[in-house]
Amino acid sequence: MGNGKIRLGIIYGGKSSEHEVSLRTALSVMKAVDANRYEVTPIYVQLDGSWVKGDAIAGQLPERIDALRLSPGNKEITADNDSTGQQLVPSSKPASLFSIGQQVDVIFPVVHGPNGEDGTIQGLLELANLPYVGTGVMASAVGMDKWMMKTVFAQAGLPQVKYVGLLRSQWEKQREESMDKIEQELGYPCFVKPANMGSSVGINKAKNREELAHALDIAAKYDRRLIVEEFVNARELEIGVLGNEEPITSVVGEIIAAKEFYDYEAKYKGAGTELAIPANIPEHVSTQIAEIAKKAFQVLDGSGLSRVDFFWDEQNDKLYINEVNTMPGFTPFSMYPMLFQASGISYSELIDRLVQLGLERHADKQRNIVEAEELE
């Protein structure tokens, strides 16, 4: 922070089906940060997994997402200039996280899905001893794996729908037996999901045995761990969590999907979906959601941010936790920032708070003794 500015590195892109979503998030964050407080360095993870670092950016970025697709060796990605003639989009070169460490003070990873919010990048950041925004390795990994997350929630006594976990190898070797078990324990309809995909990718609703087999075949293309959940006729509610050891929560929002469920098309391409913020629900439901969300966040040892999703069976007044998303969509029009906007925290302030929370969590870790002390 030699010039008084926080040197913020933003990692985006990634070897993931959510690459495009990450680009939109990165552009939104870069445009929103206060240029008087931050010096931003773009760090792009290409689809092939290679890393490219741009020079530190002075001023705001242009509107186009394409400008963020840094490629190694280019002297300039674009000739876009601001009114002062200052270059907006940096030159770029191949990079590794360890070489970047001396050039940034804190990292904001906005890589979604596998190889991003599942603890992999977080593990690299830990090895590089770099402060970063968001949850750590364990919380990220458990939060990404729906099967493991549900196991942890069950241990903590959190209310959730019934489910069956299944390995891809089990499904391939024991198709009939697997479907028999699902039918006996869950019945129809049910939802079939890859355990480790975000943004509703690979999820399908099965209403009979034929659809169940098809849904499991699709899910098995995305992951070796599969999960099947019982269907509950419920409203889909979401809440934001912000903080470290003493988190706060946002207002509750509701997903009103035009389709049968909130899939990838509905989530990122509109498809008639509506967001109700705040949700029109009784106060006791909002209070219960906030309490369970905080507990789930703390059970995972969350830090920074998470969006916690719920099902509310209005007819029977029963609440079920669905999942914790440890790196939710983060454009100004994504649910998580909108929930806090409605709670009185602007998008730019949210970024400021998350950066500070990342620095605080890193400072706390530095208190740990790394060498065994001799016993007296």
Protein backbone atom coordinates (compact mmCIF):
# COMPACT_ATOMS: atom_id res chain seq x y z
CA MET A 1 0.00 0.00 0.00
CA GLY A 2 2.84 2.33 -0.87
CA ASN A 3 0.64 5.03 -2.43
CA GLY A 4 -2.00 4.67 0.26
CA LYS A 5 -4.21 2.53 -1.96
CA ILE A 6 -5.12 -1.08 -1.31
CA ARG A 7 -3.68 -3.22 -4.09
CA LEU A 8 -6.61 -5.47 -4.97
CA GLY A 9 -6.06 -8.46 -7.23
CA ILE A 10 -9.21 -9.83 -8.84
CA ILE A 11 -9.06 -13.45 -10.01
CA TYR A 12 -11.75 -14.30 -12.52
CA GLY A 13 -12.61 -16.63 -15.40
CA GLY A 14 -11.71 -20.18 -14.52
CA LYS A 15 -11.85 -23.67 -15.96
CA SER A 16 -15.56 -23.95 -15.31
CA SER A 17 -18.99 -23.93 -16.94
CA GLU A 18 -19.52 -20.64 -15.10
CA HIS A 19 -16.65 -18.86 -16.87
CA GLU A 20 -18.96 -16.26 -18.45
CA VAL A 21 -20.72 -15.58 -15.16
CA SER A 22 -17.33 -14.92 -13.55
CA LEU A 23 -16.40 -12.41 -16.28
CA ARG A 24 -19.58 -10.44 -15.61
CA THR A 25 -18.90 -10.47 -11.88
CA ALA A 26 -15.29 -9.32 -12.34
CA LEU A 27 -16.27 -6.44 -14.60
CA SER A 28 -18.94 -5.32 -12.12
CA VAL A 29 -16.50 -5.37 -9.19
CA MET A 30 -13.76 -3.56 -11.12
CA LYS A 31 -16.15 -0.81 -12.19
CA ALA A 32 -17.56 -0.40 -8.67
CA VAL A 33 -14.36 -0.10 -6.62
CA ASP A 34 -13.29 3.38 -5.60
CA ALA A 35 -10.26 4.31 -7.73
CA ASN A 36 -9.10 6.60 -4.90
CA ARG A 37 -8.90 3.67 -2.49
CA TYR A 38 -7.93 0.73 -4.68
CA GLU A 39 -5.38 -0.16 -7.31
CA VAL A 40 -6.85 -3.10 -9.22
CA THR A 41 -4.86 -5.85 -10.92
CA PRO A 42 -6.82 -8.24 -13.18
CA ILE A 43 -5.80 -11.90 -12.96
CA TYR A 44 -7.50 -14.01 -15.61
CA VAL A 45 -7.76 -17.81 -15.47
CA GLN A 46 -8.34 -18.97 -19.04
CA LEU A 47 -10.63 -21.86 -19.95
CA ASP A 48 -7.60 -24.12 -20.37
CA GLY A 49 -6.59 -23.36 -16.78
CA SER A 50 -3.61 -21.10 -17.59
CA TRP A 51 -3.19 -17.83 -15.70
CA VAL A 52 -2.67 -14.37 -17.20
CA LYS A 53 -1.99 -11.18 -15.23
CA GLY A 54 -2.64 -7.69 -16.46
CA ASP A 55 -0.92 -4.52 -15.31
CA ALA A 56 -2.55 -2.53 -12.54
CA ILE A 57 -5.53 -0.55 -13.84
CA ALA A 58 -5.84 3.20 -13.38
CA GLY A 59 -9.41 4.40 -13.78
CA GLN A 60 -12.53 2.51 -14.70
CA LEU A 61 -12.87 -0.29 -17.22
CA PRO A 62 -14.81 -0.09 -20.47
CA GLU A 63 -18.25 -1.68 -20.65
CA ARG A 64 -17.26 -4.71 -22.71
CA ILE A 65 -16.65 -8.07 -21.05
CA ASP A 66 -14.42 -9.06 -23.98
CA ALA A 67 -11.80 -6.62 -22.71
CA LEU A 68 -11.28 -8.89 -19.71
CA ARG A 69 -10.29 -11.88 -21.82
CA LEU A 70 -6.58 -11.24 -21.34
CA SER A 71 -4.24 -13.27 -23.50
CA PRO A 72 -0.50 -13.68 -22.89
CA GLY A 73 1.93 -11.76 -25.05
CA ASN A 74 -0.37 -8.95 -26.13
CA LYS A 75 1.14 -5.53 -25.58
CA GLU A 76 -2.35 -4.11 -25.36
CA ILE A 77 -5.72 -5.79 -25.28
CA THR A 78 -7.58 -2.74 -26.48
CA ALA A 79 -6.81 0.85 -27.39
CA ASP A 80 -9.70 2.21 -25.31
CA ASN A 81 -8.61 5.35 -23.48
CA ASP A 82 -10.29 7.69 -21.03
CA SER A 83 -10.45 11.47 -21.48
CA THR A 84 -6.91 11.90 -20.18
CA GLY A 85 -5.46 9.40 -22.62
CA GLN A 86 -4.77 6.95 -19.79
CA GLN A 87 -4.73 3.30 -20.82
CA LEU A 88 -7.73 1.52 -19.31
CA VAL A 89 -7.13 -2.12 -20.16
CA PRO A 90 -3.69 -3.42 -19.23
CA SER A 91 -1.03 -5.29 -21.07
CA SER A 92 -0.83 -8.90 -20.00
CA LYS A 93 1.56 -11.78 -19.54
CA PRO A 94 1.52 -15.36 -18.23
CA ALA A 95 1.63 -15.52 -14.45
CA SER A 96 1.48 -17.75 -11.43
CA LEU A 97 -0.14 -16.91 -8.14
CA PHE A 98 3.19 -17.06 -6.35
CA SER A 99 4.71 -14.41 -8.63
CA ILE A 100 1.69 -12.17 -8.08
CA GLY A 101 1.98 -12.21 -4.29
CA GLN A 102 4.41 -9.30 -4.06
CA GLN A 103 2.22 -7.09 -6.24
CA VAL A 104 -1.11 -7.21 -4.39
CA ASP A 105 -2.28 -6.75 -0.80
CA VAL A 106 -5.46 -8.82 -1.01
CA ILE A 107 -7.20 -11.05 -3.57
CA PHE A 108 -10.88 -11.05 -4.50
CA PRO A 109 -11.51 -14.40 -6.22
CA VAL A 110 -14.71 -14.25 -8.27
CA VAL A 111 -14.30 -17.62 -9.96
CA HIS A 112 -17.56 -19.56 -9.69
CA GLY A 113 -18.16 -23.29 -9.70
CA PRO A 114 -15.58 -26.12 -9.71
CA ASN A 115 -11.92 -25.03 -9.57
CA GLY A 116 -13.03 -21.73 -8.07
CA GLU A 117 -15.38 -21.76 -5.12
CA ASP A 118 -14.64 -25.34 -4.09
CA GLY A 119 -11.49 -24.66 -2.05
CA THR A 120 -8.98 -25.13 -4.88
CA ILE A 121 -8.10 -21.46 -5.46
CA GLN A 122 -8.49 -20.84 -1.74
CA GLY A 123 -5.86 -23.52 -1.09
CA LEU A 124 -3.46 -21.84 -3.52
CA LEU A 125 -4.02 -18.51 -1.79
CA GLU A 126 -3.28 -20.12 1.57
CA LEU A 127 -0.04 -21.61 0.24
CA ALA A 128 0.92 -18.20 -1.13
CA ASN A 129 0.01 -16.70 2.28
CA LEU A 130 -2.19 -14.09 0.62
CA PRO A 131 -5.24 -12.44 2.21
CA TYR A 132 -8.39 -13.08 0.21
CA VAL A 133 -12.09 -12.35 0.22
CA GLY A 134 -14.53 -15.10 1.13
CA THR A 135 -14.60 -18.48 2.76
CA GLY A 136 -11.56 -20.63 3.43
CA VAL A 137 -10.60 -24.03 2.06
CA MET A 138 -12.82 -26.19 4.27
CA ALA A 139 -15.96 -24.04 4.08
CA SER A 140 -15.56 -23.64 0.33
CA ALA A 141 -15.10 -27.37 -0.25
CA VAL A 142 -17.98 -28.44 1.98
CA GLY A 143 -20.21 -25.67 0.65
CA MET A 144 -19.56 -26.79 -2.92
CA ASP A 145 -20.22 -30.49 -2.34
CA LYS A 146 -23.98 -30.77 -1.76
CA TRP A 147 -23.69 -34.29 -0.38
CA MET A 148 -21.06 -33.36 2.20
CA MET A 149 -22.88 -30.11 3.02
CA LYS A 150 -26.07 -32.02 3.77
CA THR A 151 -24.11 -34.45 5.96
CA VAL A 152 -22.73 -31.53 7.99
CA PHE A 153 -26.17 -29.89 8.22
CA ALA A 154 -27.66 -33.16 9.47
CA GLN A 155 -24.99 -33.38 12.19
CA ALA A 156 -25.84 -29.81 13.22
CA GLY A 157 -29.55 -30.63 13.39
CA LEU A 158 -30.59 -28.20 10.66
CA PRO A 159 -33.93 -28.97 8.95
CA GLN A 160 -33.58 -30.23 5.38
CA VAL A 161 -35.42 -32.37 2.84
CA LYS A 162 -34.72 -36.10 2.61
CA TYR A 163 -31.97 -37.07 0.17
CA VAL A 164 -29.99 -39.98 -1.23
CA GLY A 165 -26.30 -39.75 -2.12
CA LEU A 166 -24.95 -41.89 -4.94
CA LEU A 167 -21.56 -42.42 -6.56
CA ARG A 168 -21.34 -42.45 -10.35
CA SER A 169 -19.70 -45.88 -10.20
CA GLN A 170 -22.64 -47.18 -8.14
CA TRP A 171 -25.10 -45.81 -10.66
CA GLU A 172 -23.25 -47.35 -13.60
CA LYS A 173 -22.97 -50.79 -11.95
CA GLN A 174 -26.29 -50.93 -10.10
CA ARG A 175 -28.81 -48.91 -12.06
CA GLU A 176 -31.96 -50.82 -11.09
CA GLU A 177 -31.00 -51.18 -7.43
CA SER A 178 -30.13 -47.48 -7.22
CA MET A 179 -33.48 -46.44 -8.63
CA ASP A 180 -35.30 -48.88 -6.33
CA LYS A 181 -33.66 -47.24 -3.32
CA ILE A 182 -34.52 -43.72 -4.51
CA GLU A 183 -38.14 -44.70 -5.17
CA GLN A 184 -38.47 -46.31 -1.73
CA GLU A 185 -36.84 -43.47 0.21
CA LEU A 186 -37.93 -40.41 -1.76
CA GLY A 187 -40.62 -41.25 -4.29
CA TYR A 188 -41.62 -38.98 -7.17
CA PRO A 189 -41.16 -36.29 -8.16
CA CYS A 190 -37.55 -35.81 -7.07
CA PHE A 191 -34.60 -33.64 -8.04
CA VAL A 192 -31.34 -35.09 -9.34
CA LYS A 193 -28.14 -33.06 -9.07
CA PRO A 194 -24.40 -33.39 -9.54
CA ALA A 195 -22.98 -32.85 -6.05
CA ASN A 196 -20.29 -30.39 -7.14
CA MET A 197 -21.78 -28.12 -9.77
CA GLY A 198 -22.97 -24.61 -9.11
CA SER A 199 -25.63 -22.44 -10.79
CA SER A 200 -28.16 -25.25 -11.21
CA VAL A 201 -26.08 -26.89 -13.97
CA GLY A 202 -26.96 -30.54 -14.60
CA ILE A 203 -30.06 -30.49 -12.39
CA ASN A 204 -33.28 -32.16 -13.51
CA LYS A 205 -36.67 -33.00 -12.05
CA ALA A 206 -37.75 -36.64 -12.38
CA LYS A 207 -41.43 -37.61 -12.29
CA ASN A 208 -41.05 -41.32 -13.07
CA ARG A 209 -38.45 -44.08 -13.38
CA GLU A 210 -37.60 -43.28 -16.99
CA GLU A 211 -37.00 -39.61 -16.20
CA LEU A 212 -34.99 -40.61 -13.12
CA ALA A 213 -32.61 -42.75 -15.19
CA HIS A 214 -32.20 -39.92 -17.72
CA ALA A 215 -31.58 -37.34 -14.97
CA LEU A 216 -28.97 -39.53 -13.28
CA ASP A 217 -27.21 -40.08 -16.63
CA ILE A 218 -27.03 -36.31 -17.15
CA ALA A 219 -25.83 -35.57 -13.60
CA ALA A 220 -23.17 -38.28 -13.94
CA LYS A 221 -21.64 -36.38 -16.87
CA TYR A 222 -20.78 -33.50 -14.53
CA ASP A 223 -19.58 -35.23 -11.37
CA ARG A 224 -18.71 -38.58 -9.80
CA ARG A 225 -20.87 -37.75 -6.78
CA LEU A 226 -24.63 -37.44 -7.30
CA ILE A 227 -27.44 -36.42 -5.01
CA VAL A 228 -31.19 -36.96 -5.26
CA GLU A 229 -33.62 -34.91 -3.15
CA GLU A 230 -37.28 -35.35 -2.36
CA PHE A 231 -39.67 -32.82 -3.83
CA VAL A 232 -41.35 -30.39 -1.48
CA ASN A 233 -44.05 -28.02 -2.69
CA ALA A 234 -42.44 -24.87 -1.35
CA ARG A 235 -41.43 -21.28 -2.00
CA GLU A 236 -37.73 -20.59 -2.66
CA LEU A 237 -36.27 -18.05 -0.25
CA GLU A 238 -32.73 -16.69 0.00
CA ILE A 239 -30.78 -14.61 2.50
CA GLY A 240 -27.32 -13.03 2.47
CA VAL A 241 -24.74 -13.51 5.22
CA LEU A 242 -21.86 -11.06 5.73
CA GLY A 243 -19.08 -11.27 8.29
CA ASN A 244 -16.59 -13.56 9.99
CA GLU A 245 -17.13 -14.79 13.55
CA GLU A 246 -20.12 -12.50 14.16
CA PRO A 247 -21.99 -12.39 10.84
CA ILE A 248 -25.00 -10.26 9.99
CA THR A 249 -27.82 -11.18 7.63
CA SER A 250 -29.73 -9.30 4.96
CA VAL A 251 -33.45 -9.12 4.34
CA VAL A 252 -34.97 -12.28 2.86
CA GLY A 253 -35.63 -12.47 -0.88
CA GLU A 254 -37.79 -14.83 -2.91
CA ILE A 255 -37.19 -16.53 -6.25
CA ILE A 256 -40.41 -16.70 -8.25
CA ALA A 257 -39.48 -18.94 -11.15
CA ALA A 258 -41.65 -19.12 -14.26
CA LYS A 259 -40.27 -22.60 -14.93
CA GLU A 260 -40.68 -25.69 -12.74
CA PHE A 261 -37.48 -24.91 -10.89
CA TYR A 262 -34.76 -22.25 -10.80
CA ASP A 263 -32.36 -23.69 -13.39
CA TYR A 264 -29.34 -22.15 -15.14
CA GLU A 265 -31.45 -20.57 -17.89
CA ALA A 266 -33.75 -18.96 -15.33
CA LYS A 267 -30.88 -17.83 -13.13
CA TYR A 268 -28.67 -16.15 -15.74
CA LYS A 269 -30.86 -15.59 -18.78
CA GLY A 270 -34.02 -14.31 -17.12
CA ALA A 271 -36.54 -16.78 -18.55
CA GLY A 272 -39.41 -15.01 -16.80
CA THR A 273 -38.00 -15.36 -13.29
CA GLU A 274 -38.87 -12.67 -10.76
CA LEU A 275 -37.01 -11.66 -7.61
CA ALA A 276 -39.09 -10.33 -4.72
CA ILE A 277 -36.94 -8.30 -2.30
CA PRO A 278 -37.94 -8.32 0.47
CA ALA A 279 -40.02 -11.47 0.30
CA ASN A 280 -43.66 -11.24 1.32
CA ILE A 281 -43.46 -13.70 4.23
CA PRO A 282 -44.40 -13.65 7.93
CA GLU A 283 -41.91 -12.15 10.36
CA HIS A 284 -41.44 -15.43 12.22
CA VAL A 285 -40.28 -17.08 8.99
CA SER A 286 -37.77 -14.27 8.29
CA THR A 287 -36.45 -14.55 11.85
CA GLN A 288 -36.07 -18.31 11.61
CA ILE A 289 -34.32 -18.06 8.24
CA ALA A 290 -31.80 -15.56 9.65
CA GLU A 291 -31.09 -17.79 12.65
CA ILE A 292 -30.60 -20.96 10.58
CA ALA A 293 -28.51 -19.10 7.98
CA LYS A 294 -26.10 -17.82 10.62
CA LYS A 295 -25.84 -21.27 12.18
CA ALA A 296 -25.18 -22.90 8.80
CA PHE A 297 -22.53 -20.27 8.01
CA GLN A 298 -20.81 -20.87 11.35
CA VAL A 299 -21.09 -24.67 11.14
CA LEU A 300 -19.14 -24.52 7.87
CA ASP A 301 -16.71 -22.00 9.43
CA GLY A 302 -17.71 -19.47 6.80
CA SER A 303 -16.08 -16.08 6.38
CA GLY A 304 -16.80 -13.02 4.29
CA LEU A 305 -19.93 -13.84 2.36
CA SER A 306 -22.47 -16.52 1.61
CA ARG A 307 -25.97 -16.75 0.26
CA VAL A 308 -28.13 -19.31 2.05
CA ASP A 309 -31.08 -20.82 0.18
CA PHE A 310 -34.24 -22.21 1.76
CA PHE A 311 -37.50 -23.96 0.93
CA TRP A 312 -40.58 -22.81 2.82
CA ASP A 313 -43.58 -25.14 2.77
CA GLU A 314 -46.14 -22.42 3.32
CA GLN A 315 -49.10 -24.76 3.74
CA ASN A 316 -47.47 -26.63 6.63
CA ASP A 317 -45.26 -23.72 7.76
CA LYS A 318 -42.13 -25.84 7.53
CA LEU A 319 -38.72 -24.45 6.65
CA TYR A 320 -35.89 -26.45 5.06
CA ILE A 321 -32.34 -25.27 4.37
CA ASN A 322 -31.35 -26.10 0.80
CA GLU A 323 -27.72 -25.00 0.47
CA VAL A 324 -25.04 -22.44 1.24
CA ASN A 325 -23.44 -20.75 -1.75
CA THR A 326 -20.02 -19.50 -0.62
CA MET A 327 -19.33 -17.43 -3.76
CA PRO A 328 -22.74 -16.27 -4.99
CA GLY A 329 -23.29 -14.28 -8.13
CA PHE A 330 -21.93 -10.80 -7.45
CA THR A 331 -23.04 -8.41 -10.16
CA PRO A 332 -25.18 -5.47 -8.95
CA PHE A 333 -28.22 -7.38 -10.27
CA SER A 334 -27.41 -10.67 -8.54
CA MET A 335 -29.48 -11.75 -5.57
CA TYR A 336 -26.76 -11.41 -2.92
CA PRO A 337 -25.83 -7.73 -3.56
CA MET A 338 -29.50 -6.86 -4.10
CA LEU A 339 -30.42 -8.36 -0.72
CA PHE A 340 -27.86 -6.15 1.02
CA GLN A 341 -28.80 -3.14 -1.11
CA ALA A 342 -32.31 -3.57 0.33
CA SER A 343 -30.71 -3.83 3.77
CA GLY A 344 -28.94 -0.48 3.41
CA ILE A 345 -25.48 -1.60 2.21
CA SER A 346 -24.57 -0.40 -1.29
CA TYR A 347 -22.64 -2.50 -3.81
CA SER A 348 -19.43 -0.47 -3.39
CA GLU A 349 -19.70 -0.56 0.41
CA LEU A 350 -20.27 -4.30 0.26
CA ILE A 351 -16.99 -4.71 -1.64
CA ASP A 352 -15.20 -2.53 0.95
CA ARG A 353 -16.55 -4.62 3.82
CA LEU A 354 -15.61 -7.89 2.14
CA VAL A 355 -12.05 -6.71 1.52
CA GLN A 356 -11.70 -5.67 5.17
CA LEU A 357 -13.16 -8.99 6.34
CA GLY A 358 -10.62 -10.82 4.19
CA LEU A 359 -7.75 -8.80 5.66
CA GLU A 360 -9.07 -9.39 9.19
CA ARG A 361 -9.37 -13.15 8.71
CA HIS A 362 -5.84 -13.31 7.29
CA ALA A 363 -4.45 -11.29 10.21
CA ASP A 364 -6.17 -13.66 12.62
CA LYS A 365 -4.55 -16.67 10.92
CA GLN A 366 -1.13 -15.07 11.29
CA ARG A 367 -1.51 -15.42 15.06
CA ASN A 368 -1.27 -19.22 14.72
CA ILE A 369 2.01 -20.81 15.81
CA VAL A 370 3.46 -22.75 12.87
CA GLU A 371 6.29 -24.44 14.76
CA ALA A 372 5.75 -26.70 17.75
CA GLU A 373 6.91 -25.10 20.95
CA GLU A 374 8.98 -27.11 23.35
CA LEU A 375 7.06 -28.08 26.46
CA GLU A 376 8.51 -26.70 29.68
